[in-house]
Amino acid sequence: FEAWGAATRHMQSCTVGFTVGKPSLDLSRAKGNVLLKEGKAQVKKYAKPTQDELVEAIKGYCKENPDAKAFKHVIFRVIQKTWGPGEFARFGFGTFSEFCESHSLP
């Protein structure tokens, strides 16, 4: 669902005793684990990017958003959207700051 409102309405129509609002993280995790065990859901897998792909993604974002000062915007809006959530160091290229410095990125 795109928004919590639509998800809440759906859950209210399908579930008895559902309380309005966001479900707790524990309940969401438990439901997800049940769906995984039943084979009704799969864990999304992301490909590992190359250094060139990361450089191009960062340069592209900086070109489109020259006023962006915070590096975390690049990580959240470009890198995690394309290659999944988590720390930048999981790619094996050091920290985000080290990577930018070694590739002369802004």
PDB file of N, CA and C in Angstrom:
ATOM      1  N   PHE A   1       0.838  -1.183   0.000  1.00  0.00           N
ATOM      2  CA  PHE A   1       0.000   0.000   0.000  1.00  0.00           C
ATOM      3  C   PHE A   1       0.879   1.240   0.000  1.00  0.00           C
ATOM      4  N   GLU A   2       0.450   2.252  -0.696  1.00  0.00           N
ATOM      5  CA  GLU A   2       1.216   3.484  -0.800  1.00  0.00           C
ATOM      6  C   GLU A   2       1.161   4.295   0.496  1.00  0.00           C
ATOM      7  N   ALA A   3       0.052   4.229   1.210  1.00  0.00           N
ATOM      8  CA  ALA A   3      -0.107   5.039   2.417  1.00  0.00           C
ATOM      9  C   ALA A   3      -0.707   4.194   3.535  1.00  0.00           C
ATOM     10  N   TRP A   4      -0.441   4.611   4.780  1.00  0.00           N
ATOM     11  CA  TRP A   4      -0.961   3.860   5.917  1.00  0.00           C
ATOM     12  C   TRP A   4      -2.474   3.880   5.967  1.00  0.00           C
ATOM     13  N   GLY A   5      -3.083   4.948   5.479  1.00  0.00           N
ATOM     14  CA  GLY A   5      -4.540   5.034   5.512  1.00  0.00           C
ATOM     15  C   GLY A   5      -5.186   3.911   4.729  1.00  0.00           C
ATOM     16  N   ALA A   6      -4.678   3.657   3.525  1.00  0.00           N
ATOM     17  CA  ALA A   6      -5.221   2.580   2.694  1.00  0.00           C
ATOM     18  C   ALA A   6      -4.964   1.223   3.343  1.00  0.00           C
ATOM     19  N   ALA A   7      -3.790   1.045   3.912  1.00  0.00           N
ATOM     20  CA  ALA A   7      -3.463  -0.217   4.584  1.00  0.00           C
ATOM     21  C   ALA A   7      -4.353  -0.426   5.806  1.00  0.00           C
ATOM     22  N   THR A   8      -4.581   0.638   6.564  1.00  0.00           N
ATOM     23  CA  THR A   8      -5.424   0.538   7.753  1.00  0.00           C
ATOM     24  C   THR A   8      -6.847   0.165   7.371  1.00  0.00           C
ATOM     25  N   ARG A   9      -7.390   0.804   6.343  1.00  0.00           N
ATOM     26  CA  ARG A   9      -8.747   0.476   5.901  1.00  0.00           C
ATOM     27  C   ARG A   9      -8.830  -0.979   5.445  1.00  0.00           C
ATOM     28  N   HIS A  10      -7.828  -1.435   4.742  1.00  0.00           N
ATOM     29  CA  HIS A  10      -7.803  -2.828   4.286  1.00  0.00           C
ATOM     30  C   HIS A  10      -7.760  -3.783   5.482  1.00  0.00           C
ATOM     31  N   MET A  11      -6.891  -3.486   6.446  1.00  0.00           N
ATOM     32  CA  MET A  11      -6.760  -4.362   7.619  1.00  0.00           C
ATOM     33  C   MET A  11      -8.036  -4.352   8.460  1.00  0.00           C
ATOM     34  N   GLN A  12      -8.709  -3.203   8.540  1.00  0.00           N
ATOM     35  CA  GLN A  12      -9.951  -3.141   9.300  1.00  0.00           C
ATOM     36  C   GLN A  12     -11.030  -3.993   8.645  1.00  0.00           C
ATOM     37  N   SER A  13     -11.060  -4.020   7.335  1.00  0.00           N
ATOM     38  CA  SER A  13     -12.090  -4.799   6.652  1.00  0.00           C
ATOM     39  C   SER A  13     -11.778  -6.296   6.665  1.00  0.00           C
ATOM     40  N   CYS A  14     -10.529  -6.669   6.876  1.00  0.00           N
ATOM     41  CA  CYS A  14     -10.128  -8.078   6.848  1.00  0.00           C
ATOM     42  C   CYS A  14      -9.897  -8.689   8.219  1.00  0.00           C
ATOM     43  N   THR A  15      -9.769  -7.902   9.235  1.00  0.00           N
ATOM     44  CA  THR A  15      -9.356  -8.403  10.535  1.00  0.00           C
ATOM     45  C   THR A  15     -10.346  -7.991  11.614  1.00  0.00           C
ATOM     46  N   VAL A  16     -10.644  -8.911  12.489  1.00  0.00           N
ATOM     47  CA  VAL A  16     -11.513  -8.615  13.619  1.00  0.00           C
ATOM     48  C   VAL A  16     -10.637  -8.127  14.768  1.00  0.00           C
ATOM     49  N   GLY A  17     -11.035  -7.043  15.397  1.00  0.00           N
ATOM     50  CA  GLY A  17     -10.316  -6.555  16.564  1.00  0.00           C
ATOM     51  C   GLY A  17      -9.096  -5.707  16.252  1.00  0.00           C
ATOM     52  N   PHE A  18      -8.953  -5.250  15.046  1.00  0.00           N
ATOM     53  CA  PHE A  18      -7.810  -4.407  14.692  1.00  0.00           C
ATOM     54  C   PHE A  18      -8.007  -3.011  15.249  1.00  0.00           C
ATOM     55  N   THR A  19      -6.983  -2.457  15.869  1.00  0.00           N
ATOM     56  CA  THR A  19      -7.063  -1.091  16.369  1.00  0.00           C
ATOM     57  C   THR A  19      -6.474  -0.149  15.323  1.00  0.00           C
ATOM     58  N   VAL A  20      -7.035   1.029  15.226  1.00  0.00           N
ATOM     59  CA  VAL A  20      -6.619   2.018  14.236  1.00  0.00           C
ATOM     60  C   VAL A  20      -5.210   2.506  14.550  1.00  0.00           C
ATOM     61  N   GLY A  21      -4.428   2.707  13.510  1.00  0.00           N
ATOM     62  CA  GLY A  21      -3.076   3.214  13.652  1.00  0.00           C
ATOM     63  C   GLY A  21      -2.061   2.240  13.089  1.00  0.00           C
ATOM     64  N   LYS A  22      -0.810   2.632  13.162  1.00  0.00           N
ATOM     65  CA  LYS A  22       0.265   1.772  12.676  1.00  0.00           C
ATOM     66  C   LYS A  22       0.416   0.554  13.580  1.00  0.00           C
ATOM     67  N   PRO A  23       0.601  -0.622  13.001  1.00  0.00           N
ATOM     68  CA  PRO A  23       0.890  -1.766  13.853  1.00  0.00           C
ATOM     69  C   PRO A  23       2.287  -1.629  14.452  1.00  0.00           C
ATOM     70  N   SER A  24       2.507  -2.264  15.576  1.00  0.00           N
ATOM     71  CA  SER A  24       3.820  -2.171  16.204  1.00  0.00           C
ATOM     72  C   SER A  24       4.834  -2.917  15.350  1.00  0.00           C
ATOM     73  N   LEU A  25       6.091  -2.577  15.520  1.00  0.00           N
ATOM     74  CA  LEU A  25       7.154  -3.224  14.773  1.00  0.00           C
ATOM     75  C   LEU A  25       7.192  -4.720  15.067  1.00  0.00           C
ATOM     76  N   ASP A  26       6.957  -5.089  16.324  1.00  0.00           N
ATOM     77  CA  ASP A  26       6.960  -6.507  16.700  1.00  0.00           C
ATOM     78  C   ASP A  26       5.855  -7.276  15.965  1.00  0.00           C
ATOM     79  N   LEU A  27       4.658  -6.689  15.900  1.00  0.00           N
ATOM     80  CA  LEU A  27       3.552  -7.357  15.203  1.00  0.00           C
ATOM     81  C   LEU A  27       3.831  -7.459  13.706  1.00  0.00           C
ATOM     82  N   SER A  28       4.384  -6.400  13.126  1.00  0.00           N
ATOM     83  CA  SER A  28       4.709  -6.429  11.699  1.00  0.00           C
ATOM     84  C   SER A  28       5.767  -7.479  11.404  1.00  0.00           C
ATOM     85  N   ARG A  29       6.784  -7.540  12.244  1.00  0.00           N
ATOM     86  CA  ARG A  29       7.850  -8.519  12.063  1.00  0.00           C
ATOM     87  C   ARG A  29       7.312  -9.944  12.205  1.00  0.00           C
ATOM     88  N   ALA A  30       6.462 -10.161  13.214  1.00  0.00           N
ATOM     89  CA  ALA A  30       5.889 -11.493  13.434  1.00  0.00           C
ATOM     90  C   ALA A  30       5.045 -11.917  12.239  1.00  0.00           C
ATOM     91  N   LYS A  31       4.218 -11.004  11.730  1.00  0.00           N
ATOM     92  CA  LYS A  31       3.390 -11.324  10.572  1.00  0.00           C
ATOM     93  C   LYS A  31       4.264 -11.621   9.357  1.00  0.00           C
ATOM     94  N   GLY A  32       5.317 -10.835   9.167  1.00  0.00           N
ATOM     95  CA  GLY A  32       6.228 -11.075   8.057  1.00  0.00           C
ATOM     96  C   GLY A  32       6.910 -12.427   8.155  1.00  0.00           C
ATOM     97  N   ASN A  33       7.320 -12.805   9.371  1.00  0.00           N
ATOM     98  CA  ASN A  33       7.960 -14.106   9.559  1.00  0.00           C
ATOM     99  C   ASN A  33       7.005 -15.255   9.257  1.00  0.00           C
ATOM    100  N   VAL A  34       5.735 -15.104   9.644  1.00  0.00           N
ATOM    101  CA  VAL A  34       4.738 -16.137   9.336  1.00  0.00           C
ATOM    102  C   VAL A  34       4.560 -16.244   7.823  1.00  0.00           C
ATOM    103  N   LEU A  35       4.452 -15.110   7.141  1.00  0.00           N
ATOM    104  CA  LEU A  35       4.282 -15.125   5.686  1.00  0.00           C
ATOM    105  C   LEU A  35       5.488 -15.759   4.995  1.00  0.00           C
ATOM    106  N   LEU A  36       6.692 -15.507   5.504  1.00  0.00           N
ATOM    107  CA  LEU A  36       7.892 -16.124   4.937  1.00  0.00           C
ATOM    108  C   LEU A  36       7.861 -17.641   5.116  1.00  0.00           C
ATOM    109  N   LYS A  37       7.490 -18.105   6.318  1.00  0.00           N
ATOM    110  CA  LYS A  37       7.429 -19.541   6.585  1.00  0.00           C
ATOM    111  C   LYS A  37       6.385 -20.233   5.709  1.00  0.00           C
ATOM    112  N   GLU A  38       5.262 -19.550   5.476  1.00  0.00           N
ATOM    113  CA  GLU A  38       4.191 -20.129   4.667  1.00  0.00           C
ATOM    114  C   GLU A  38       4.480 -20.040   3.170  1.00  0.00           C
ATOM    115  N   GLY A  39       5.543 -19.336   2.815  1.00  0.00           N
ATOM    116  CA  GLY A  39       5.886 -19.196   1.408  1.00  0.00           C
ATOM    117  C   GLY A  39       5.044 -18.165   0.673  1.00  0.00           C
ATOM    118  N   LYS A  40       4.341 -17.324   1.409  1.00  0.00           N
ATOM    119  CA  LYS A  40       3.490 -16.297   0.803  1.00  0.00           C
ATOM    120  C   LYS A  40       4.242 -14.996   0.554  1.00  0.00           C
ATOM    121  N   ALA A  41       5.465 -14.924   1.054  1.00  0.00           N
ATOM    122  CA  ALA A  41       6.288 -13.729   0.860  1.00  0.00           C
ATOM    123  C   ALA A  41       7.738 -14.166   0.679  1.00  0.00           C
ATOM    124  N   GLN A  42       8.514 -13.307   0.058  1.00  0.00           N
ATOM    125  CA  GLN A  42       9.934 -13.574  -0.142  1.00  0.00           C
ATOM    126  C   GLN A  42      10.734 -12.353   0.301  1.00  0.00           C
ATOM    127  N   VAL A  43      11.940 -12.613   0.778  1.00  0.00           N
ATOM    128  CA  VAL A  43      12.823 -11.521   1.154  1.00  0.00           C
ATOM    129  C   VAL A  43      13.367 -10.905  -0.129  1.00  0.00           C
ATOM    130  N   LYS A  44      13.276  -9.587  -0.225  1.00  0.00           N
ATOM    131  CA  LYS A  44      13.764  -8.903  -1.413  1.00  0.00           C
ATOM    132  C   LYS A  44      15.286  -8.916  -1.417  1.00  0.00           C
ATOM    133  N   LYS A  45      15.866  -9.339  -2.519  1.00  0.00           N
ATOM    134  CA  LYS A  45      17.324  -9.401  -2.632  1.00  0.00           C
ATOM    135  C   LYS A  45      17.798  -8.325  -3.601  1.00  0.00           C
ATOM    136  N   TYR A  46      18.905  -7.702  -3.249  1.00  0.00           N
ATOM    137  CA  TYR A  46      19.473  -6.636  -4.056  1.00  0.00           C
ATOM    138  C   TYR A  46      20.841  -7.063  -4.576  1.00  0.00           C
ATOM    139  N   ALA A  47      21.142  -6.657  -5.785  1.00  0.00           N
ATOM    140  CA  ALA A  47      22.465  -6.920  -6.352  1.00  0.00           C
ATOM    141  C   ALA A  47      23.478  -5.975  -5.723  1.00  0.00           C
ATOM    142  N   LYS A  48      24.714  -6.426  -5.618  1.00  0.00           N
ATOM    143  CA  LYS A  48      25.782  -5.586  -5.075  1.00  0.00           C
ATOM    144  C   LYS A  48      26.278  -4.675  -6.194  1.00  0.00           C
ATOM    145  N   PRO A  49      26.342  -3.360  -5.945  1.00  0.00           N
ATOM    146  CA  PRO A  49      26.791  -2.436  -6.988  1.00  0.00           C
ATOM    147  C   PRO A  49      28.305  -2.474  -7.168  1.00  0.00           C
ATOM    148  N   THR A  50      28.721  -2.068  -8.347  1.00  0.00           N
ATOM    149  CA  THR A  50      30.152  -1.893  -8.592  1.00  0.00           C
ATOM    150  C   THR A  50      30.529  -0.472  -8.159  1.00  0.00           C
ATOM    151  N   GLN A  51      31.832  -0.211  -8.056  1.00  0.00           N
ATOM    152  CA  GLN A  51      32.271   1.139  -7.701  1.00  0.00           C
ATOM    153  C   GLN A  51      31.821   2.140  -8.758  1.00  0.00           C
ATOM    154  N   ASP A  52      31.899   1.758 -10.024  1.00  0.00           N
ATOM    155  CA  ASP A  52      31.494   2.664 -11.109  1.00  0.00           C
ATOM    156  C   ASP A  52      30.004   3.001 -11.023  1.00  0.00           C
ATOM    157  N   GLU A  53      29.172   2.010 -10.695  1.00  0.00           N
ATOM    158  CA  GLU A  53      27.741   2.270 -10.571  1.00  0.00           C
ATOM    159  C   GLU A  53      27.455   3.246  -9.430  1.00  0.00           C
ATOM    160  N   LEU A  54      28.151   3.070  -8.323  1.00  0.00           N
ATOM    161  CA  LEU A  54      27.970   3.984  -7.192  1.00  0.00           C
ATOM    162  C   LEU A  54      28.431   5.393  -7.532  1.00  0.00           C
ATOM    163  N   VAL A  55      29.574   5.504  -8.201  1.00  0.00           N
ATOM    164  CA  VAL A  55      30.094   6.822  -8.584  1.00  0.00           C
ATOM    165  C   VAL A  55      29.095   7.522  -9.494  1.00  0.00           C
ATOM    166  N   GLU A  56      28.583   6.816 -10.492  1.00  0.00           N
ATOM    167  CA  GLU A  56      27.622   7.415 -11.426  1.00  0.00           C
ATOM    168  C   GLU A  56      26.333   7.827 -10.711  1.00  0.00           C
ATOM    169  N   ALA A  57      25.854   6.990  -9.782  1.00  0.00           N
ATOM    170  CA  ALA A  57      24.633   7.322  -9.044  1.00  0.00           C
ATOM    171  C   ALA A  57      24.828   8.573  -8.193  1.00  0.00           C
ATOM    172  N   ILE A  58      25.965   8.658  -7.529  1.00  0.00           N
ATOM    173  CA  ILE A  58      26.248   9.820  -6.669  1.00  0.00           C
ATOM    174  C   ILE A  58      26.416  11.080  -7.516  1.00  0.00           C
ATOM    175  N   LYS A  59      27.170  10.978  -8.611  1.00  0.00           N
ATOM    176  CA  LYS A  59      27.357  12.142  -9.487  1.00  0.00           C
ATOM    177  C   LYS A  59      26.025  12.596 -10.080  1.00  0.00           C
ATOM    178  N   GLY A  60      25.197  11.635 -10.490  1.00  0.00           N
ATOM    179  CA  GLY A  60      23.889  11.974 -11.056  1.00  0.00           C
ATOM    180  C   GLY A  60      23.014  12.697 -10.057  1.00  0.00           C
ATOM    181  N   TYR A  61      23.008  12.229  -8.819  1.00  0.00           N
ATOM    182  CA  TYR A  61      22.199  12.872  -7.789  1.00  0.00           C
ATOM    183  C   TYR A  61      22.709  14.281  -7.507  1.00  0.00           C
ATOM    184  N   CYS A  62      24.022  14.420  -7.388  1.00  0.00           N
ATOM    185  CA  CYS A  62      24.605  15.735  -7.099  1.00  0.00           C
ATOM    186  C   CYS A  62      24.371  16.720  -8.248  1.00  0.00           C
ATOM    187  N   LYS A  63      24.358  16.200  -9.475  1.00  0.00           N
ATOM    188  CA  LYS A  63      24.109  17.063 -10.639  1.00  0.00           C
ATOM    189  C   LYS A  63      22.657  17.549 -10.633  1.00  0.00           C
ATOM    190  N   GLU A  64      21.724  16.651 -10.288  1.00  0.00           N
ATOM    191  CA  GLU A  64      20.307  17.013 -10.257  1.00  0.00           C
ATOM    192  C   GLU A  64      19.956  17.866  -9.042  1.00  0.00           C
ATOM    193  N   ASN A  65      20.725  17.733  -7.972  1.00  0.00           N
ATOM    194  CA  ASN A  65      20.445  18.437  -6.713  1.00  0.00           C
ATOM    195  C   ASN A  65      21.697  19.159  -6.228  1.00  0.00           C
ATOM    196  N   PRO A  66      22.116  20.225  -6.923  1.00  0.00           N
ATOM    197  CA  PRO A  66      23.371  20.898  -6.572  1.00  0.00           C
ATOM    198  C   PRO A  66      23.364  21.541  -5.193  1.00  0.00           C
ATOM    199  N   ASP A  67      22.195  21.817  -4.645  1.00  0.00           N
ATOM    200  CA  ASP A  67      22.123  22.469  -3.339  1.00  0.00           C
ATOM    201  C   ASP A  67      22.108  21.481  -2.177  1.00  0.00           C
ATOM    202  N   ALA A  68      22.042  20.191  -2.483  1.00  0.00           N
ATOM    203  CA  ALA A  68      21.992  19.183  -1.417  1.00  0.00           C
ATOM    204  C   ALA A  68      23.321  19.167  -0.672  1.00  0.00           C
ATOM    205  N   LYS A  69      23.264  19.446   0.596  1.00  0.00           N
ATOM    206  CA  LYS A  69      24.482  19.526   1.394  1.00  0.00           C
ATOM    207  C   LYS A  69      24.727  18.246   2.190  1.00  0.00           C
ATOM    208  N   ALA A  70      23.670  17.535   2.515  1.00  0.00           N
ATOM    209  CA  ALA A  70      23.814  16.366   3.382  1.00  0.00           C
ATOM    210  C   ALA A  70      24.012  15.100   2.555  1.00  0.00           C
ATOM    211  N   PHE A  71      25.080  14.383   2.868  1.00  0.00           N
ATOM    212  CA  PHE A  71      25.360  13.136   2.165  1.00  0.00           C
ATOM    213  C   PHE A  71      24.301  12.085   2.444  1.00  0.00           C
ATOM    214  N   LYS A  72      23.633  12.179   3.594  1.00  0.00           N
ATOM    215  CA  LYS A  72      22.646  11.162   3.918  1.00  0.00           C
ATOM    216  C   LYS A  72      21.487  11.174   2.918  1.00  0.00           C
ATOM    217  N   HIS A  73      21.272  12.305   2.252  1.00  0.00           N
ATOM    218  CA  HIS A  73      20.234  12.349   1.223  1.00  0.00           C
ATOM    219  C   HIS A  73      20.606  11.438   0.059  1.00  0.00           C
ATOM    220  N   VAL A  74      21.888  11.411  -0.296  1.00  0.00           N
ATOM    221  CA  VAL A  74      22.347  10.545  -1.382  1.00  0.00           C
ATOM    222  C   VAL A  74      22.162   9.095  -0.977  1.00  0.00           C
ATOM    223  N   ILE A  75      22.521   8.784   0.250  1.00  0.00           N
ATOM    224  CA  ILE A  75      22.409   7.402   0.714  1.00  0.00           C
ATOM    225  C   ILE A  75      20.953   6.959   0.732  1.00  0.00           C
ATOM    226  N   PHE A  76      20.064   7.771   1.298  1.00  0.00           N
ATOM    227  CA  PHE A  76      18.672   7.370   1.427  1.00  0.00           C
ATOM    228  C   PHE A  76      17.900   7.443   0.121  1.00  0.00           C
ATOM    229  N   ARG A  77      18.129   8.465  -0.667  1.00  0.00           N
ATOM    230  CA  ARG A  77      17.313   8.658  -1.866  1.00  0.00           C
ATOM    231  C   ARG A  77      17.828   7.934  -3.094  1.00  0.00           C
ATOM    232  N   VAL A  78      19.091   7.597  -3.123  1.00  0.00           N
ATOM    233  CA  VAL A  78      19.650   6.957  -4.313  1.00  0.00           C
ATOM    234  C   VAL A  78      20.159   5.556  -4.001  1.00  0.00           C
ATOM    235  N   ILE A  79      21.090   5.471  -3.097  1.00  0.00           N
ATOM    236  CA  ILE A  79      21.773   4.203  -2.858  1.00  0.00           C
ATOM    237  C   ILE A  79      20.837   3.169  -2.243  1.00  0.00           C
ATOM    238  N   GLN A  80      20.141   3.520  -1.167  1.00  0.00           N
ATOM    239  CA  GLN A  80      19.268   2.543  -0.533  1.00  0.00           C
ATOM    240  C   GLN A  80      18.057   2.209  -1.399  1.00  0.00           C
ATOM    241  N   LYS A  81      17.586   3.165  -2.164  1.00  0.00           N
ATOM    242  CA  LYS A  81      16.447   2.908  -3.040  1.00  0.00           C
ATOM    243  C   LYS A  81      16.816   1.905  -4.132  1.00  0.00           C
ATOM    244  N   THR A  82      18.040   1.982  -4.616  1.00  0.00           N
ATOM    245  CA  THR A  82      18.486   1.117  -5.705  1.00  0.00           C
ATOM    246  C   THR A  82      19.073  -0.197  -5.214  1.00  0.00           C
ATOM    247  N   TRP A  83      19.906  -0.138  -4.144  1.00  0.00           N
ATOM    248  CA  TRP A  83      20.653  -1.319  -3.708  1.00  0.00           C
ATOM    249  C   TRP A  83      20.259  -1.809  -2.325  1.00  0.00           C
ATOM    250  N   GLY A  84      19.168  -1.305  -1.790  1.00  0.00           N
ATOM    251  CA  GLY A  84      18.652  -1.819  -0.531  1.00  0.00           C
ATOM    252  C   GLY A  84      19.140  -1.085   0.703  1.00  0.00           C
ATOM    253  N   PRO A  85      18.399  -1.260   1.805  1.00  0.00           N
ATOM    254  CA  PRO A  85      18.747  -0.578   3.049  1.00  0.00           C
ATOM    255  C   PRO A  85      19.963  -1.187   3.719  1.00  0.00           C
ATOM    256  N   GLY A  86      20.572  -0.406   4.573  1.00  0.00           N
ATOM    257  CA  GLY A  86      21.730  -0.875   5.328  1.00  0.00           C
ATOM    258  C   GLY A  86      22.859   0.126   5.262  1.00  0.00           C
ATOM    259  N   GLU A  87      23.935  -0.197   5.945  1.00  0.00           N
ATOM    260  CA  GLU A  87      25.106   0.669   5.975  1.00  0.00           C
ATOM    261  C   GLU A  87      25.850   0.628   4.642  1.00  0.00           C
ATOM    262  N   PHE A  88      26.434   1.736   4.257  1.00  0.00           N
ATOM    263  CA  PHE A  88      27.183   1.819   2.999  1.00  0.00           C
ATOM    264  C   PHE A  88      28.356   0.847   2.988  1.00  0.00           C
ATOM    265  N   ALA A  89      28.979   0.644   4.129  1.00  0.00           N
ATOM    266  CA  ALA A  89      30.173  -0.205   4.219  1.00  0.00           C
ATOM    267  C   ALA A  89      29.905  -1.657   3.820  1.00  0.00           C
ATOM    268  N   ARG A  90      28.643  -2.077   3.774  1.00  0.00           N
ATOM    269  CA  ARG A  90      28.334  -3.459   3.403  1.00  0.00           C
ATOM    270  C   ARG A  90      28.747  -3.784   1.965  1.00  0.00           C
ATOM    271  N   PHE A  91      28.971  -2.765   1.154  1.00  0.00           N
ATOM    272  CA  PHE A  91      29.389  -2.987  -0.234  1.00  0.00           C
ATOM    273  C   PHE A  91      30.867  -3.354  -0.338  1.00  0.00           C
ATOM    274  N   GLY A  92      31.610  -3.098   0.733  1.00  0.00           N
ATOM    275  CA  GLY A  92      33.032  -3.439   0.745  1.00  0.00           C
ATOM    276  C   GLY A  92      33.943  -2.348   0.216  1.00  0.00           C
ATOM    277  N   PHE A  93      33.443  -1.105   0.152  1.00  0.00           N
ATOM    278  CA  PHE A  93      34.245   0.010  -0.354  1.00  0.00           C
ATOM    279  C   PHE A  93      34.552   1.037   0.734  1.00  0.00           C
ATOM    280  N   GLY A  94      34.464   0.639   2.001  1.00  0.00           N
ATOM    281  CA  GLY A  94      34.697   1.558   3.109  1.00  0.00           C
ATOM    282  C   GLY A  94      33.440   2.334   3.451  1.00  0.00           C
ATOM    283  N   THR A  95      33.605   3.374   4.240  1.00  0.00           N
ATOM    284  CA  THR A  95      32.463   4.212   4.603  1.00  0.00           C
ATOM    285  C   THR A  95      32.103   5.114   3.422  1.00  0.00           C
ATOM    286  N   PHE A  96      30.927   5.725   3.508  1.00  0.00           N
ATOM    287  CA  PHE A  96      30.483   6.612   2.438  1.00  0.00           C
ATOM    288  C   PHE A  96      31.444   7.784   2.274  1.00  0.00           C
ATOM    289  N   SER A  97      31.880   8.359   3.382  1.00  0.00           N
ATOM    290  CA  SER A  97      32.810   9.491   3.324  1.00  0.00           C
ATOM    291  C   SER A  97      34.137   9.091   2.692  1.00  0.00           C
ATOM    292  N   GLU A  98      34.664   7.935   3.076  1.00  0.00           N
ATOM    293  CA  GLU A  98      35.920   7.446   2.502  1.00  0.00           C
ATOM    294  C   GLU A  98      35.778   7.196   1.001  1.00  0.00           C
ATOM    295  N   PHE A  99      34.642   6.612   0.618  1.00  0.00           N
ATOM    296  CA  PHE A  99      34.403   6.333  -0.797  1.00  0.00           C
ATOM    297  C   PHE A  99      34.361   7.615  -1.603  1.00  0.00           C
ATOM    298  N   CYS A 100      33.630   8.613  -1.097  1.00  0.00           N
ATOM    299  CA  CYS A 100      33.535   9.909  -1.801  1.00  0.00           C
ATOM    300  C   CYS A 100      34.895  10.573  -1.891  1.00  0.00           C
ATOM    301  N   GLU A 101      35.648  10.522  -0.830  1.00  0.00           N
ATOM    302  CA  GLU A 101      36.975  11.142  -0.833  1.00  0.00           C
ATOM    303  C   GLU A 101      37.907  10.450  -1.830  1.00  0.00           C
ATOM    304  N   SER A 102      37.898   9.128  -1.871  1.00  0.00           N
ATOM    305  CA  SER A 102      38.802   8.397  -2.763  1.00  0.00           C
ATOM    306  C   SER A 102      38.411   8.543  -4.235  1.00  0.00           C
ATOM    307  N   HIS A 103      37.166   8.928  -4.506  1.00  0.00           N
ATOM    308  CA  HIS A 103      36.719   9.105  -5.889  1.00  0.00           C
ATOM    309  C   HIS A 103      36.498  10.579  -6.246  1.00  0.00           C
ATOM    310  N   SER A 104      36.984  11.467  -5.393  1.00  0.00           N
ATOM    311  CA  SER A 104      36.873  12.920  -5.606  1.00  0.00           C
ATOM    312  C   SER A 104      35.433  13.353  -5.861  1.00  0.00           C
ATOM    313  N   LEU A 105      34.530  12.818  -5.052  1.00  0.00           N
ATOM    314  CA  LEU A 105      33.122  13.197  -5.163  1.00  0.00           C
ATOM    315  C   LEU A 105      32.830  14.311  -4.175  1.00  0.00           C
ATOM    316  N   PRO A 106      31.823  15.138  -4.473  1.00  0.00           N
ATOM    317  CA  PRO A 106      31.512  16.263  -3.572  1.00  0.00           C
ATOM    318  C   PRO A 106      31.083  15.833  -2.189  1.00  0.00           C
TER     319      PRO A 106
END
